Structures are given as structure tokens and as C-alpha cells.
Amino acid sequence: MTKAPGRRALALRPSLLVEPLGVLAAGVVVLLLAVPLGALVWRTVESGALGPALGNPTVLAALQLSLLTSVGSLALAVLLGTPLAYGLARREFPGKGAIEALVEVPIVLPPAVAGIALLMAFGRRGVVGAALATVGISLAFTPWAVVLAQCFVAAPFYVRAARAGFAGVDRELERTAYTLGESPLGTFWRVTVPLAFPSLLAGAVLCWARALGEFGATIMFAGSFRGRTQTMPLAIYAALESDLGAALALGTILVGVSVAVLALVRLVTRRQEAMASAGLGVVDARAVG
């Protein structure tokens, strides 16, 4: 009878030790993330460089190009990556494992290697670029090269998340929609996509953020020409060599844009989850009826 409390005390000691260590580790990670961002914003405000940067034509051109190209690469990734993700999640076919591995490669590939690979493929003397050059199409060192570089390194993030989202959709709900007279395409848009939407949106945000911050592949394949291929990360690198205030301002602008997009995504995700739950209730009620 007297040994039980002692054993219980011994059993509780690891948890009493692990919990403070977990809190300490979590605090270190939070500080590791918050301190650099806070230091960037604080130094930008202290230097007063944000106002002049917002009126600098070079900064505005880089920001506009970054937004346009990152949205373009995201649209391309969603347009081409959604069918691929759905097929990987729902179908079994020869070579599926190789395709899945190929999708994963750009995630771990160094950006500089990605840039060289794109140059060897789509450069003027590249495998595909040489053929395109014969009909007067040149991709390297153009805004289109920026989009291709961003899409190459960012699209896998969307495909991975979309594949997981499609794989997690309950097939019974789709079958219920079929029994209610819905077509396969209608079921995909009205049942599958809403249920997988949180994963699709998360993948789209990761894809867009990766494209917005792309540096290595872009500078190798598209170069850094002001007003033509110089995106925000490239402009930050160029400004860091001559004007620290401008580099700080550019970094702060990117942080602000990223935070605003994340806040919007969270709001949309919560509303979509609520709508999906309500829609599932309607489908279940129809199935029961």
C-alpha cells in the first residue's frame, strides 16, 4: 500500500522534467523566428528608409514584377498541378513512384542547380531552347524565365499538399453525390474540391510564398535586370551591396505582404471549413431522406 505513491511519484517525474524542457524549446523556436523579423522591422523604422523606398521607381518595379510573376507561376502550378495531384491521389499506374519522386526533387534541389538545369533546357543553346530559337522564341533572361524558375521550384509544394487533400476526401461522400444525380465533374467541383480546399489553399500559399522568395534559380536563368527580371529578392541582394536602408525597406515590405496574405488565407480557410461542414450536413440529410 505504501509503495504505490512512490511509484506514482517516480512515474510523474519524467513528465515534470519534460514539460519545462518542452516549454523552453518552444520558447527558443519562437524567439528564433520573432527576433530576426522584429530586428528587421525595427531597423527599417529606425533608419526611416521605408518611406523613400516606397517612392523609389526601382523598388516599385521590383515589387510589381515579383507580384505579377509569383501570381503567374502560382496560376500555372494550380492549372497543371491539380490534375497531376488528383491522379497521384486516386489512380494507380505504371511509373507512379517515379513521378512522385520527380515531383519531390525540386524541393531538395539547390536553387542554383535548378537554375543551371533550366538554362540547359530552355536557354538559347538548350535542349528545348534551341528548337524554340528557330521560331524566334527566347525564354532565358526574360520575364517568362522568372515565371518558369519560380514555377519549377514552387509547384511541388502545391502538388504535395493537393495530393494529400484529395487523398483525404471520403469516397463515400462522392458516391452519395453520384446517387443524388450529380455528374463526375459536378461532384469534383461541389464535393471533392470543397472538402480538399484547406489543403489546396495551404499548398497554394506555400507555392506562392516559395515563388515570391525565389532567388537562386531566378538569377541563374533570368538574370537580374532592373525593370525586366529583377524581383524583390534580387533587388534586396543588389541593394545590400550599396544601400542597406533600401535593402531593409525591401525586406520589410516583403514581410508585410507575406503577413497580410497569411491573415487573408486563415480567414478564407475558416469560412471555407464552415461552409464545407454545412454542405456535408445537407448531403447527409439528403442521403438519409
C-alpha atoms as a PDB file:
ATOM      1  CA  MET A   1       0.000   0.000   0.000  1.00  0.00           C
ATOM      2  CA  THR A   2       2.807   2.404   0.793  1.00  0.00           C
ATOM      3  CA  LYS A   3       4.697   1.703  -2.430  1.00  0.00           C
ATOM      4  CA  ALA A   4       2.016   2.924  -4.799  1.00  0.00           C
ATOM      5  CA  PRO A   5       2.509   6.663  -4.114  1.00  0.00           C
ATOM      6  CA  GLY A   6       6.236   6.258  -4.551  1.00  0.00           C
ATOM      7  CA  ARG A   7       5.801   4.546  -7.886  1.00  0.00           C
ATOM      8  CA  ARG A   8       3.341   7.202  -8.945  1.00  0.00           C
ATOM      9  CA  ALA A   9       5.807   9.898  -7.971  1.00  0.00           C
ATOM     10  CA  LEU A  10       8.519   8.183  -9.997  1.00  0.00           C
ATOM     11  CA  ALA A  11       6.158   7.937 -12.945  1.00  0.00           C
ATOM     12  CA  LEU A  12       5.348  11.634 -12.709  1.00  0.00           C
ATOM     13  CA  ARG A  13       8.948  12.799 -12.519  1.00  0.00           C
ATOM     14  CA  PRO A  14       9.698  12.392 -16.255  1.00  0.00           C
ATOM     15  CA  SER A  15       6.649  14.454 -17.159  1.00  0.00           C
ATOM     16  CA  LEU A  16       7.638  17.108 -14.637  1.00  0.00           C
ATOM     17  CA  LEU A  17      11.013  17.270 -16.348  1.00  0.00           C
ATOM     18  CA  VAL A  18       9.810  17.020 -19.942  1.00  0.00           C
ATOM     19  CA  GLU A  19       7.192  19.765 -19.700  1.00  0.00           C
ATOM     20  CA  PRO A  20       9.630  22.565 -18.738  1.00  0.00           C
ATOM     21  CA  LEU A  21      12.071  21.376 -21.392  1.00  0.00           C
ATOM     22  CA  GLY A  22       9.280  21.453 -23.964  1.00  0.00           C
ATOM     23  CA  VAL A  23       8.304  24.980 -22.949  1.00  0.00           C
ATOM     24  CA  LEU A  24      11.950  26.043 -23.116  1.00  0.00           C
ATOM     25  CA  ALA A  25      12.414  24.522 -26.571  1.00  0.00           C
ATOM     26  CA  ALA A  26       9.194  26.135 -27.813  1.00  0.00           C
ATOM     27  CA  GLY A  27      10.320  29.492 -26.439  1.00  0.00           C
ATOM     28  CA  VAL A  28      13.687  29.209 -28.190  1.00  0.00           C
ATOM     29  CA  VAL A  29      11.997  28.439 -31.522  1.00  0.00           C
ATOM     30  CA  VAL A  30       9.575  31.349 -31.122  1.00  0.00           C
ATOM     31  CA  LEU A  31      12.445  33.710 -30.316  1.00  0.00           C
ATOM     32  CA  LEU A  32      14.463  32.358 -33.228  1.00  0.00           C
ATOM     33  CA  LEU A  33      11.602  33.268 -35.545  1.00  0.00           C
ATOM     34  CA  ALA A  34      10.469  36.501 -33.920  1.00  0.00           C
ATOM     35  CA  VAL A  35      13.780  38.212 -33.129  1.00  0.00           C
ATOM     36  CA  PRO A  36      15.130  38.407 -36.709  1.00  0.00           C
ATOM     37  CA  LEU A  37      11.799  39.643 -38.085  1.00  0.00           C
ATOM     38  CA  GLY A  38      11.430  42.134 -35.255  1.00  0.00           C
ATOM     39  CA  ALA A  39      15.007  43.330 -35.748  1.00  0.00           C
ATOM     40  CA  LEU A  40      14.388  43.821 -39.461  1.00  0.00           C
ATOM     41  CA  VAL A  41      11.264  45.907 -38.902  1.00  0.00           C
ATOM     42  CA  TRP A  42      12.828  47.866 -36.046  1.00  0.00           C
ATOM     43  CA  ARG A  43      15.968  48.758 -38.002  1.00  0.00           C
ATOM     44  CA  THR A  44      13.844  49.770 -41.001  1.00  0.00           C
ATOM     45  CA  VAL A  45      11.678  52.082 -38.883  1.00  0.00           C
ATOM     46  CA  GLU A  46      14.723  53.450 -37.074  1.00  0.00           C
ATOM     47  CA  SER A  47      16.512  54.271 -40.328  1.00  0.00           C
ATOM     48  CA  GLY A  48      13.440  55.882 -41.863  1.00  0.00           C
ATOM     49  CA  ALA A  49      14.119  54.073 -45.134  1.00  0.00           C
ATOM     50  CA  LEU A  50      10.633  52.719 -45.709  1.00  0.00           C
ATOM     51  CA  GLY A  51       9.116  55.974 -46.998  1.00  0.00           C
ATOM     52  CA  PRO A  52      11.846  56.711 -49.563  1.00  0.00           C
ATOM     53  CA  ALA A  53      11.835  53.081 -50.692  1.00  0.00           C
ATOM     54  CA  LEU A  54       8.093  53.189 -51.407  1.00  0.00           C
ATOM     55  CA  GLY A  55       8.721  56.137 -53.715  1.00  0.00           C
ATOM     56  CA  ASN A  56      11.713  54.569 -55.450  1.00  0.00           C
ATOM     57  CA  PRO A  57      10.837  53.527 -59.037  1.00  0.00           C
ATOM     58  CA  THR A  58      13.294  50.618 -58.884  1.00  0.00           C
ATOM     59  CA  VAL A  59      11.661  49.256 -55.734  1.00  0.00           C
ATOM     60  CA  LEU A  60       8.168  49.661 -57.135  1.00  0.00           C
ATOM     61  CA  ALA A  61       9.184  47.938 -60.370  1.00  0.00           C
ATOM     62  CA  ALA A  62      10.720  45.030 -58.451  1.00  0.00           C
ATOM     63  CA  LEU A  63       7.638  44.718 -56.243  1.00  0.00           C
ATOM     64  CA  GLN A  64       5.286  44.807 -59.215  1.00  0.00           C
ATOM     65  CA  LEU A  65       7.349  42.221 -61.097  1.00  0.00           C
ATOM     66  CA  SER A  66       7.510  39.942 -58.048  1.00  0.00           C
ATOM     67  CA  LEU A  67       3.772  40.059 -57.518  1.00  0.00           C
ATOM     68  CA  LEU A  68       2.949  39.507 -61.186  1.00  0.00           C
ATOM     69  CA  THR A  69       5.410  36.666 -61.729  1.00  0.00           C
ATOM     70  CA  SER A  70       4.619  34.909 -58.451  1.00  0.00           C
ATOM     71  CA  VAL A  71       0.883  35.033 -59.184  1.00  0.00           C
ATOM     72  CA  GLY A  72       1.569  33.821 -62.721  1.00  0.00           C
ATOM     73  CA  SER A  73       3.687  30.917 -61.503  1.00  0.00           C
ATOM     74  CA  LEU A  74       1.024  30.058 -58.929  1.00  0.00           C
ATOM     75  CA  ALA A  75      -1.688  30.043 -61.594  1.00  0.00           C
ATOM     76  CA  LEU A  76       0.467  27.780 -63.763  1.00  0.00           C
ATOM     77  CA  ALA A  77       1.141  25.448 -60.828  1.00  0.00           C
ATOM     78  CA  VAL A  78      -2.560  25.219 -59.949  1.00  0.00           C
ATOM     79  CA  LEU A  79      -3.640  24.732 -63.566  1.00  0.00           C
ATOM     80  CA  LEU A  80      -1.147  21.960 -64.278  1.00  0.00           C
ATOM     81  CA  GLY A  81      -0.597  20.619 -60.780  1.00  0.00           C
ATOM     82  CA  THR A  82      -4.221  19.963 -59.809  1.00  0.00           C
ATOM     83  CA  PRO A  83      -4.825  17.188 -62.371  1.00  0.00           C
ATOM     84  CA  LEU A  84      -1.436  15.698 -61.508  1.00  0.00           C
ATOM     85  CA  ALA A  85      -2.163  15.759 -57.772  1.00  0.00           C
ATOM     86  CA  TYR A  86      -5.601  14.223 -58.294  1.00  0.00           C
ATOM     87  CA  GLY A  87      -4.181  11.461 -60.465  1.00  0.00           C
ATOM     88  CA  LEU A  88      -1.441  10.670 -57.933  1.00  0.00           C
ATOM     89  CA  ALA A  89      -4.004  10.561 -55.118  1.00  0.00           C
ATOM     90  CA  ARG A  90      -6.677   8.480 -56.855  1.00  0.00           C
ATOM     91  CA  ARG A  91      -5.046   6.347 -59.542  1.00  0.00           C
ATOM     92  CA  GLU A  92      -2.552   3.503 -59.711  1.00  0.00           C
ATOM     93  CA  PHE A  93      -0.495   3.355 -62.905  1.00  0.00           C
ATOM     94  CA  PRO A  94       2.963   2.263 -64.090  1.00  0.00           C
ATOM     95  CA  GLY A  95       5.644   4.789 -63.237  1.00  0.00           C
ATOM     96  CA  LYS A  96       3.658   6.440 -60.446  1.00  0.00           C
ATOM     97  CA  GLY A  97       6.517   6.080 -57.973  1.00  0.00           C
ATOM     98  CA  ALA A  98       8.950   7.681 -60.423  1.00  0.00           C
ATOM     99  CA  ILE A  99       6.612  10.628 -60.986  1.00  0.00           C
ATOM    100  CA  GLU A 100       6.148  11.114 -57.241  1.00  0.00           C
ATOM    101  CA  ALA A 101       9.920  11.102 -56.782  1.00  0.00           C
ATOM    102  CA  LEU A 102      10.343  13.547 -59.668  1.00  0.00           C
ATOM    103  CA  VAL A 103       7.858  15.925 -58.058  1.00  0.00           C
ATOM    104  CA  GLU A 104       9.866  15.826 -54.824  1.00  0.00           C
ATOM    105  CA  VAL A 105      13.250  16.545 -56.443  1.00  0.00           C
ATOM    106  CA  PRO A 106      12.927  20.362 -56.839  1.00  0.00           C
ATOM    107  CA  ILE A 107      12.117  20.652 -53.129  1.00  0.00           C
ATOM    108  CA  VAL A 108      15.539  19.333 -52.114  1.00  0.00           C
ATOM    109  CA  LEU A 109      17.445  20.519 -55.184  1.00  0.00           C
ATOM    110  CA  PRO A 110      19.759  23.521 -54.583  1.00  0.00           C
ATOM    111  CA  PRO A 111      18.270  26.574 -56.342  1.00  0.00           C
ATOM    112  CA  ALA A 112      21.478  27.232 -58.248  1.00  0.00           C
ATOM    113  CA  VAL A 113      21.338  23.722 -59.703  1.00  0.00           C
ATOM    114  CA  ALA A 114      17.722  24.308 -60.667  1.00  0.00           C
ATOM    115  CA  GLY A 115      18.771  27.485 -62.469  1.00  0.00           C
ATOM    116  CA  ILE A 116      21.514  25.711 -64.402  1.00  0.00           C
ATOM    117  CA  ALA A 117      19.126  22.887 -65.317  1.00  0.00           C
ATOM    118  CA  LEU A 118      16.575  25.379 -66.639  1.00  0.00           C
ATOM    119  CA  LEU A 119      19.287  27.156 -68.594  1.00  0.00           C
ATOM    120  CA  MET A 120      20.451  23.890 -70.163  1.00  0.00           C
ATOM    121  CA  ALA A 121      16.869  23.050 -71.095  1.00  0.00           C
ATOM    122  CA  PHE A 122      15.413  26.396 -72.154  1.00  0.00           C
ATOM    123  CA  GLY A 123      18.474  28.530 -72.857  1.00  0.00           C
ATOM    124  CA  ARG A 124      19.280  29.606 -76.407  1.00  0.00           C
ATOM    125  CA  ARG A 125      21.507  26.548 -76.838  1.00  0.00           C
ATOM    126  CA  GLY A 126      19.459  24.323 -74.558  1.00  0.00           C
ATOM    127  CA  VAL A 127      17.743  21.070 -75.421  1.00  0.00           C
ATOM    128  CA  VAL A 128      14.372  22.775 -75.904  1.00  0.00           C
ATOM    129  CA  GLY A 129      15.568  26.362 -76.186  1.00  0.00           C
ATOM    130  CA  ALA A 130      17.479  25.744 -79.407  1.00  0.00           C
ATOM    131  CA  ALA A 131      14.324  24.487 -81.088  1.00  0.00           C
ATOM    132  CA  LEU A 132      12.352  27.446 -79.761  1.00  0.00           C
ATOM    133  CA  ALA A 133      15.028  29.840 -81.014  1.00  0.00           C
ATOM    134  CA  THR A 134      14.479  28.635 -84.585  1.00  0.00           C
ATOM    135  CA  VAL A 135      10.942  30.021 -84.451  1.00  0.00           C
ATOM    136  CA  GLY A 136      12.011  33.227 -82.753  1.00  0.00           C
ATOM    137  CA  ILE A 137      11.100  32.331 -79.153  1.00  0.00           C
ATOM    138  CA  SER A 138      13.660  33.096 -76.457  1.00  0.00           C
ATOM    139  CA  LEU A 139      12.866  32.382 -72.809  1.00  0.00           C
ATOM    140  CA  ALA A 140      16.149  32.853 -70.949  1.00  0.00           C
ATOM    141  CA  PHE A 141      16.714  36.241 -69.297  1.00  0.00           C
ATOM    142  CA  THR A 142      13.144  37.368 -69.896  1.00  0.00           C
ATOM    143  CA  PRO A 143      10.176  37.787 -67.517  1.00  0.00           C
ATOM    144  CA  TRP A 144       8.938  34.409 -68.737  1.00  0.00           C
ATOM    145  CA  ALA A 145      12.158  32.907 -67.408  1.00  0.00           C
ATOM    146  CA  VAL A 146      11.283  34.323 -63.991  1.00  0.00           C
ATOM    147  CA  VAL A 147       7.895  32.595 -64.105  1.00  0.00           C
ATOM    148  CA  LEU A 148       9.425  29.284 -65.204  1.00  0.00           C
ATOM    149  CA  ALA A 149      12.088  29.423 -62.499  1.00  0.00           C
ATOM    150  CA  GLN A 150       9.528  30.204 -59.811  1.00  0.00           C
ATOM    151  CA  CYS A 151       7.144  27.519 -61.027  1.00  0.00           C
ATOM    152  CA  PHE A 152       9.916  24.907 -61.199  1.00  0.00           C
ATOM    153  CA  VAL A 153      10.906  25.331 -57.562  1.00  0.00           C
ATOM    154  CA  ALA A 154       7.459  26.171 -56.123  1.00  0.00           C
ATOM    155  CA  ALA A 155       4.957  23.931 -57.924  1.00  0.00           C
ATOM    156  CA  PRO A 156       5.953  20.771 -55.983  1.00  0.00           C
ATOM    157  CA  PHE A 157       4.733  22.377 -52.763  1.00  0.00           C
ATOM    158  CA  TYR A 158       1.264  22.763 -54.229  1.00  0.00           C
ATOM    159  CA  VAL A 159       1.228  19.288 -55.772  1.00  0.00           C
ATOM    160  CA  ARG A 160       2.197  17.639 -52.475  1.00  0.00           C
ATOM    161  CA  ALA A 161      -0.457  19.461 -50.476  1.00  0.00           C
ATOM    162  CA  ALA A 162      -3.141  18.959 -53.135  1.00  0.00           C
ATOM    163  CA  ARG A 163      -2.379  15.243 -53.369  1.00  0.00           C
ATOM    164  CA  ALA A 164      -2.767  14.876 -49.608  1.00  0.00           C
ATOM    165  CA  GLY A 165      -6.009  16.851 -49.718  1.00  0.00           C
ATOM    166  CA  PHE A 166      -7.539  14.745 -52.481  1.00  0.00           C
ATOM    167  CA  ALA A 167      -6.415  11.522 -50.789  1.00  0.00           C
ATOM    168  CA  GLY A 168      -8.138  12.582 -47.565  1.00  0.00           C
ATOM    169  CA  VAL A 169     -11.577  13.118 -49.123  1.00  0.00           C
ATOM    170  CA  ASP A 170     -14.097  10.476 -48.086  1.00  0.00           C
ATOM    171  CA  ARG A 171     -15.057   8.463 -51.173  1.00  0.00           C
ATOM    172  CA  GLU A 172     -18.458   7.673 -49.659  1.00  0.00           C
ATOM    173  CA  LEU A 173     -19.442  11.321 -49.876  1.00  0.00           C
ATOM    174  CA  GLU A 174     -18.591  11.331 -53.571  1.00  0.00           C
ATOM    175  CA  ARG A 175     -20.637   8.177 -54.101  1.00  0.00           C
ATOM    176  CA  THR A 176     -23.525   9.808 -52.288  1.00  0.00           C
ATOM    177  CA  ALA A 177     -23.321  12.736 -54.685  1.00  0.00           C
ATOM    178  CA  TYR A 178     -23.413  10.299 -57.615  1.00  0.00           C
ATOM    179  CA  THR A 179     -26.555   8.631 -56.238  1.00  0.00           C
ATOM    180  CA  LEU A 180     -28.179  12.054 -55.981  1.00  0.00           C
ATOM    181  CA  GLY A 181     -27.672  12.531 -59.717  1.00  0.00           C
ATOM    182  CA  GLU A 182     -24.502  14.628 -59.707  1.00  0.00           C
ATOM    183  CA  SER A 183     -22.127  14.217 -62.651  1.00  0.00           C
ATOM    184  CA  PRO A 184     -18.453  13.295 -62.097  1.00  0.00           C
ATOM    185  CA  LEU A 185     -17.351  16.822 -62.943  1.00  0.00           C
ATOM    186  CA  GLY A 186     -20.041  18.322 -60.742  1.00  0.00           C
ATOM    187  CA  THR A 187     -19.041  16.019 -57.887  1.00  0.00           C
ATOM    188  CA  PHE A 188     -15.438  17.106 -58.268  1.00  0.00           C
ATOM    189  CA  TRP A 189     -16.281  20.820 -58.070  1.00  0.00           C
ATOM    190  CA  ARG A 190     -19.084  20.640 -55.490  1.00  0.00           C
ATOM    191  CA  VAL A 191     -17.845  17.867 -53.183  1.00  0.00           C
ATOM    192  CA  THR A 192     -14.194  16.966 -53.727  1.00  0.00           C
ATOM    193  CA  VAL A 193     -12.754  20.449 -54.129  1.00  0.00           C
ATOM    194  CA  PRO A 194     -14.606  21.999 -51.140  1.00  0.00           C
ATOM    195  CA  LEU A 195     -13.520  19.127 -48.883  1.00  0.00           C
ATOM    196  CA  ALA A 196      -9.916  19.321 -50.086  1.00  0.00           C
ATOM    197  CA  PHE A 197      -9.916  23.118 -50.192  1.00  0.00           C
ATOM    198  CA  PRO A 198      -7.971  23.698 -46.934  1.00  0.00           C
ATOM    199  CA  SER A 199      -5.132  21.537 -48.287  1.00  0.00           C
ATOM    200  CA  LEU A 200      -5.362  23.150 -51.717  1.00  0.00           C
ATOM    201  CA  LEU A 201      -5.220  26.603 -50.186  1.00  0.00           C
ATOM    202  CA  ALA A 202      -2.328  25.695 -47.903  1.00  0.00           C
ATOM    203  CA  GLY A 203      -0.420  24.294 -50.873  1.00  0.00           C
ATOM    204  CA  ALA A 204      -1.191  27.386 -52.938  1.00  0.00           C
ATOM    205  CA  VAL A 205       0.112  29.659 -50.187  1.00  0.00           C
ATOM    206  CA  LEU A 206       3.306  27.631 -49.828  1.00  0.00           C
ATOM    207  CA  CYS A 207       3.728  27.671 -53.595  1.00  0.00           C
ATOM    208  CA  TRP A 208       3.179  31.418 -53.821  1.00  0.00           C
ATOM    209  CA  ALA A 209       5.499  32.160 -50.892  1.00  0.00           C
ATOM    210  CA  ARG A 210       8.237  29.992 -52.367  1.00  0.00           C
ATOM    211  CA  ALA A 211       7.834  31.703 -55.724  1.00  0.00           C
ATOM    212  CA  LEU A 212       7.860  35.167 -54.160  1.00  0.00           C
ATOM    213  CA  GLY A 213      11.100  34.440 -52.325  1.00  0.00           C
ATOM    214  CA  GLU A 214      12.863  32.580 -55.131  1.00  0.00           C
ATOM    215  CA  PHE A 215      16.413  33.802 -55.729  1.00  0.00           C
ATOM    216  CA  GLY A 216      18.951  31.218 -56.907  1.00  0.00           C
ATOM    217  CA  ALA A 217      17.180  29.708 -59.897  1.00  0.00           C
ATOM    218  CA  THR A 218      15.910  33.131 -60.992  1.00  0.00           C
ATOM    219  CA  ILE A 219      19.301  34.829 -61.048  1.00  0.00           C
ATOM    220  CA  MET A 220      20.843  31.883 -62.915  1.00  0.00           C
ATOM    221  CA  PHE A 221      18.114  31.538 -65.539  1.00  0.00           C
ATOM    222  CA  ALA A 222      16.595  35.026 -65.782  1.00  0.00           C
ATOM    223  CA  GLY A 223      19.374  37.294 -64.563  1.00  0.00           C
ATOM    224  CA  SER A 224      18.876  40.491 -62.582  1.00  0.00           C
ATOM    225  CA  PHE A 225      17.905  43.282 -64.963  1.00  0.00           C
ATOM    226  CA  ARG A 226      16.126  46.261 -63.421  1.00  0.00           C
ATOM    227  CA  GLY A 227      12.564  46.605 -64.566  1.00  0.00           C
ATOM    228  CA  ARG A 228      12.768  43.364 -66.549  1.00  0.00           C
ATOM    229  CA  THR A 229      13.773  40.360 -64.424  1.00  0.00           C
ATOM    230  CA  GLN A 230      14.831  41.891 -61.092  1.00  0.00           C
ATOM    231  CA  THR A 231      12.381  40.605 -58.490  1.00  0.00           C
ATOM    232  CA  MET A 232      12.289  41.692 -54.864  1.00  0.00           C
ATOM    233  CA  PRO A 233      14.822  39.119 -53.584  1.00  0.00           C
ATOM    234  CA  LEU A 234      17.218  40.106 -56.366  1.00  0.00           C
ATOM    235  CA  ALA A 235      16.660  43.790 -55.620  1.00  0.00           C
ATOM    236  CA  ILE A 236      17.411  43.154 -51.930  1.00  0.00           C
ATOM    237  CA  TYR A 237      20.673  41.454 -52.849  1.00  0.00           C
ATOM    238  CA  ALA A 238      21.637  44.294 -55.184  1.00  0.00           C
ATOM    239  CA  ALA A 239      20.718  46.983 -52.653  1.00  0.00           C
ATOM    240  CA  LEU A 240      22.609  45.234 -49.839  1.00  0.00           C
ATOM    241  CA  GLU A 241      25.884  45.987 -51.595  1.00  0.00           C
ATOM    242  CA  SER A 242      25.297  49.743 -51.827  1.00  0.00           C
ATOM    243  CA  ASP A 243      22.290  50.839 -49.751  1.00  0.00           C
ATOM    244  CA  LEU A 244      21.493  48.968 -46.522  1.00  0.00           C
ATOM    245  CA  GLY A 245      18.430  51.139 -45.858  1.00  0.00           C
ATOM    246  CA  ALA A 246      16.856  50.199 -49.182  1.00  0.00           C
ATOM    247  CA  ALA A 247      17.566  46.514 -48.533  1.00  0.00           C
ATOM    248  CA  LEU A 248      15.920  46.772 -45.107  1.00  0.00           C
ATOM    249  CA  ALA A 249      12.897  48.518 -46.576  1.00  0.00           C
ATOM    250  CA  LEU A 250      12.530  45.911 -49.307  1.00  0.00           C
ATOM    251  CA  GLY A 251      12.719  43.113 -46.743  1.00  0.00           C
ATOM    252  CA  THR A 252      10.115  44.788 -44.544  1.00  0.00           C
ATOM    253  CA  ILE A 253       7.776  45.234 -47.495  1.00  0.00           C
ATOM    254  CA  LEU A 254       8.029  41.505 -48.267  1.00  0.00           C
ATOM    255  CA  VAL A 255       7.348  40.645 -44.624  1.00  0.00           C
ATOM    256  CA  GLY A 256       4.269  42.883 -44.647  1.00  0.00           C
ATOM    257  CA  VAL A 257       2.936  41.357 -47.870  1.00  0.00           C
ATOM    258  CA  SER A 258       3.506  37.830 -46.541  1.00  0.00           C
ATOM    259  CA  VAL A 259       1.758  38.528 -43.226  1.00  0.00           C
ATOM    260  CA  ALA A 260      -1.218  40.121 -44.982  1.00  0.00           C
ATOM    261  CA  VAL A 261      -1.599  37.136 -47.310  1.00  0.00           C
ATOM    262  CA  LEU A 262      -1.354  34.640 -44.441  1.00  0.00           C
ATOM    263  CA  ALA A 263      -4.016  36.532 -42.489  1.00  0.00           C
ATOM    264  CA  LEU A 264      -6.304  36.533 -45.514  1.00  0.00           C
ATOM    265  CA  VAL A 265      -5.713  32.821 -46.079  1.00  0.00           C
ATOM    266  CA  ARG A 266      -6.624  31.980 -42.483  1.00  0.00           C
ATOM    267  CA  LEU A 267      -9.832  33.957 -42.785  1.00  0.00           C
ATOM    268  CA  VAL A 268     -10.779  32.280 -46.060  1.00  0.00           C
ATOM    269  CA  THR A 269      -9.882  28.832 -44.704  1.00  0.00           C
ATOM    270  CA  ARG A 270     -12.106  29.231 -41.655  1.00  0.00           C
ATOM    271  CA  ARG A 271     -15.039  30.359 -43.766  1.00  0.00           C
ATOM    272  CA  GLN A 272     -14.489  27.537 -46.249  1.00  0.00           C
ATOM    273  CA  GLU A 273     -14.347  24.931 -43.490  1.00  0.00           C
ATOM    274  CA  ALA A 274     -17.598  26.272 -42.063  1.00  0.00           C
ATOM    275  CA  MET A 275     -19.252  26.178 -45.496  1.00  0.00           C
ATOM    276  CA  ALA A 276     -17.926  22.660 -46.146  1.00  0.00           C
ATOM    277  CA  SER A 277     -19.325  21.448 -42.823  1.00  0.00           C
ATOM    278  CA  ALA A 278     -22.697  22.962 -43.652  1.00  0.00           C
ATOM    279  CA  GLY A 279     -22.599  21.377 -47.095  1.00  0.00           C
ATOM    280  CA  LEU A 280     -21.803  17.971 -45.646  1.00  0.00           C
ATOM    281  CA  GLY A 281     -24.806  18.305 -43.367  1.00  0.00           C
ATOM    282  CA  VAL A 282     -27.026  18.958 -46.370  1.00  0.00           C
ATOM    283  CA  VAL A 283     -25.600  15.957 -48.248  1.00  0.00           C
ATOM    284  CA  ASP A 284     -26.076  13.665 -45.251  1.00  0.00           C
ATOM    285  CA  ALA A 285     -29.648  14.908 -44.801  1.00  0.00           C
ATOM    286  CA  ARG A 286     -30.419  14.207 -48.462  1.00  0.00           C
ATOM    287  CA  ALA A 287     -28.831  10.771 -48.229  1.00  0.00           C
ATOM    288  CA  VAL A 288     -30.928   9.908 -45.187  1.00  0.00           C
ATOM    289  CA  GLY A 289     -34.047  11.273 -46.828  1.00  0.00           C
END
